[in-house]
Structures are given as C-alpha cells and as structure tokens.
C-alpha cells in the first residue's frame, strides 16, 4: 500500500472540519459531490489521496474556495502531523 502524504492527510482533516461545520453527514457530502461515501471517508481519514481537482470540487460543494482549504488551520494540522504534537 502506498504511503499517503502528510499534505493529503491534513487536507482530509480540513475537509472533514468544513463538512462538520455545515453539519453534513458523510453521505450528504458524498451525494453533493457525486462520489462514493466510502471514498470520501478514506479521504477525510487520510487513507487515500485525492487529486487537486477533487479537492477543488469538494470545497466548491461546500461553497468554499480552494484557498480556504490551505489556510492557517491547515498549516496547524500539517505541523501536528509532522511533529506528533496535539492540536489545540
């Protein structure tokens, strides 16, 4: 099995946070995005890498810009994954 990059893991966590802010279930988000819920869960869990176009599409489904994905919170998540430090 291929190793998933820390960047993809952080992106998955950030997508989950935005989805949860909207109070959407995995199934609802997957339906909006036109994708399989199991695949979305793997993306959010950092078990699968998405393409840049997929990340754009997911963010657009939530009425967000792709730049919102790679914000300061993303940087904090990525740092946490790199160092093993807990997020606050």
Protein backbone atom coordinates (compact mmCIF):
# COMPACT_ATOMS: atom_id res chain seq x y z
CA UNK A 1 0.00 0.00 0.00
CA UNK A 2 1.31 3.45 -0.94
CA UNK A 3 2.18 5.89 1.81
CA UNK A 4 -0.24 8.80 1.99
CA UNK A 5 1.44 12.20 2.16
CA UNK A 6 1.04 14.36 5.24
CA UNK A 7 -0.35 17.08 2.98
CA UNK A 8 -3.16 14.76 1.84
CA UNK A 9 -3.82 13.73 5.43
CA UNK A 10 -4.06 17.38 6.51
CA UNK A 11 -6.34 18.21 3.57
CA UNK A 12 -8.63 15.33 4.54
CA UNK A 13 -8.85 16.55 8.13
CA UNK A 14 -9.58 20.10 6.96
CA UNK A 15 -12.33 18.91 4.60
CA UNK A 16 -13.88 16.96 7.49
CA UNK A 17 -13.83 20.10 9.67
CA UNK A 18 -15.60 22.15 6.97
CA UNK A 19 -18.14 19.35 6.42
CA UNK A 20 -18.84 19.12 10.14
CA UNK A 21 -19.22 22.93 10.36
CA UNK A 22 -22.04 22.56 7.85
CA UNK A 23 -23.43 19.69 9.96
CA UNK A 24 -23.40 17.42 6.91
CA UNK A 25 -23.04 13.67 7.18
CA UNK A 26 -20.51 11.83 5.03
CA UNK A 27 -23.42 10.54 2.94
CA UNK A 28 -24.86 14.02 2.37
CA UNK A 29 -21.48 15.44 1.38
CA UNK A 30 -20.79 12.48 -0.91
CA UNK A 31 -24.17 12.97 -2.59
CA UNK A 32 -23.45 16.67 -3.18
CA UNK A 33 -20.03 15.80 -4.57
CA UNK A 34 -21.27 12.90 -6.68
CA UNK A 35 -18.84 10.46 -5.11
CA UNK A 36 -18.92 7.30 -3.06
CA UNK A 37 -19.24 7.92 0.69
CA UNK A 38 -16.59 5.26 1.43
CA UNK A 39 -14.10 7.09 -0.77
CA UNK A 40 -14.88 10.42 0.91
CA UNK A 41 -14.37 8.81 4.33
CA UNK A 42 -10.99 7.46 3.21
CA UNK A 43 -10.02 10.96 2.04
CA UNK A 44 -11.06 12.51 5.34
CA UNK A 45 -9.33 9.78 7.35
CA UNK A 46 -6.08 10.31 5.44
CA UNK A 47 -6.18 6.81 3.97
CA UNK A 48 -6.48 7.98 0.37
CA UNK A 49 -5.11 10.90 -1.62
CA UNK A 50 -7.38 13.00 -3.78
CA UNK A 51 -6.45 14.93 -6.86
CA UNK A 52 -6.23 18.69 -6.74
CA UNK A 53 -9.37 18.86 -8.91
CA UNK A 54 -11.19 16.63 -6.43
CA UNK A 55 -10.24 18.94 -3.56
CA UNK A 56 -11.46 21.94 -5.58
CA UNK A 57 -14.75 20.16 -6.28
CA UNK A 58 -15.28 19.20 -2.62
CA UNK A 59 -14.61 22.75 -1.48
CA UNK A 60 -16.95 24.16 -4.12
CA UNK A 61 -19.70 21.80 -2.90
CA UNK A 62 -19.35 23.48 0.49
CA UNK A 63 -19.34 26.97 -1.08
CA UNK A 64 -15.67 27.43 -0.21
CA UNK A 65 -12.64 28.43 -2.28
CA UNK A 66 -9.68 26.10 -2.63
CA UNK A 67 -7.60 28.73 -0.81
CA UNK A 68 -9.82 28.11 2.24
CA UNK A 69 -8.54 24.54 2.34
CA UNK A 70 -4.90 25.63 2.64
CA UNK A 71 -5.41 28.21 5.39
CA UNK A 72 -3.69 28.69 8.76
CA UNK A 73 -5.71 25.83 10.28
CA UNK A 74 -4.38 23.53 7.51
CA UNK A 75 -0.85 24.61 8.41
CA UNK A 76 -1.51 23.82 12.08
CA UNK A 77 -2.88 20.38 11.19
CA UNK A 78 0.10 19.66 8.96
CA UNK A 79 2.52 20.76 11.70
CA UNK A 80 0.73 18.50 14.18
CA UNK A 81 1.02 15.53 11.83
CA UNK A 82 4.71 16.22 11.25
CA UNK A 83 5.63 16.63 14.91
CA UNK A 84 3.08 14.44 16.66
CA UNK A 85 2.01 17.40 18.81
CA UNK A 86 -1.67 17.64 19.69
CA UNK A 87 -3.75 20.42 18.16
CA UNK A 88 -5.49 22.87 20.42
